[in-house]
């Protein structure tokens, strides 16, 4: 019974959830204090209050280290779980983190 339970848990990559339903990160603008919302895959936003470009603190995602990241992105796109724009953004992020990919 435990074997089946473990197989069900490991069926999906733990990082996939963040691609399908990305987390929102809120950061205060260092120039004016306005709250700025970032999706976890975005690295910069223009502040709606003062217009300055604000960079989000970098956080690691599985596309930066997983050997199967490109295959995973392709599968998510093929299944319609992410759109082409999101897939391309993830591929760019992956290539920036792993230039050999």
Foldseek 3Di string as FASTA:
>chain_A
DVVVVVCVVPVDDPQVVCLLPFDWDWDADPVPRDIDIDGLLDFWDQDPPPRHIDGDDHDDGVLLPDPCNLVVLVVCCVVVSHDPVSSVSSVVVSCVSPVVD
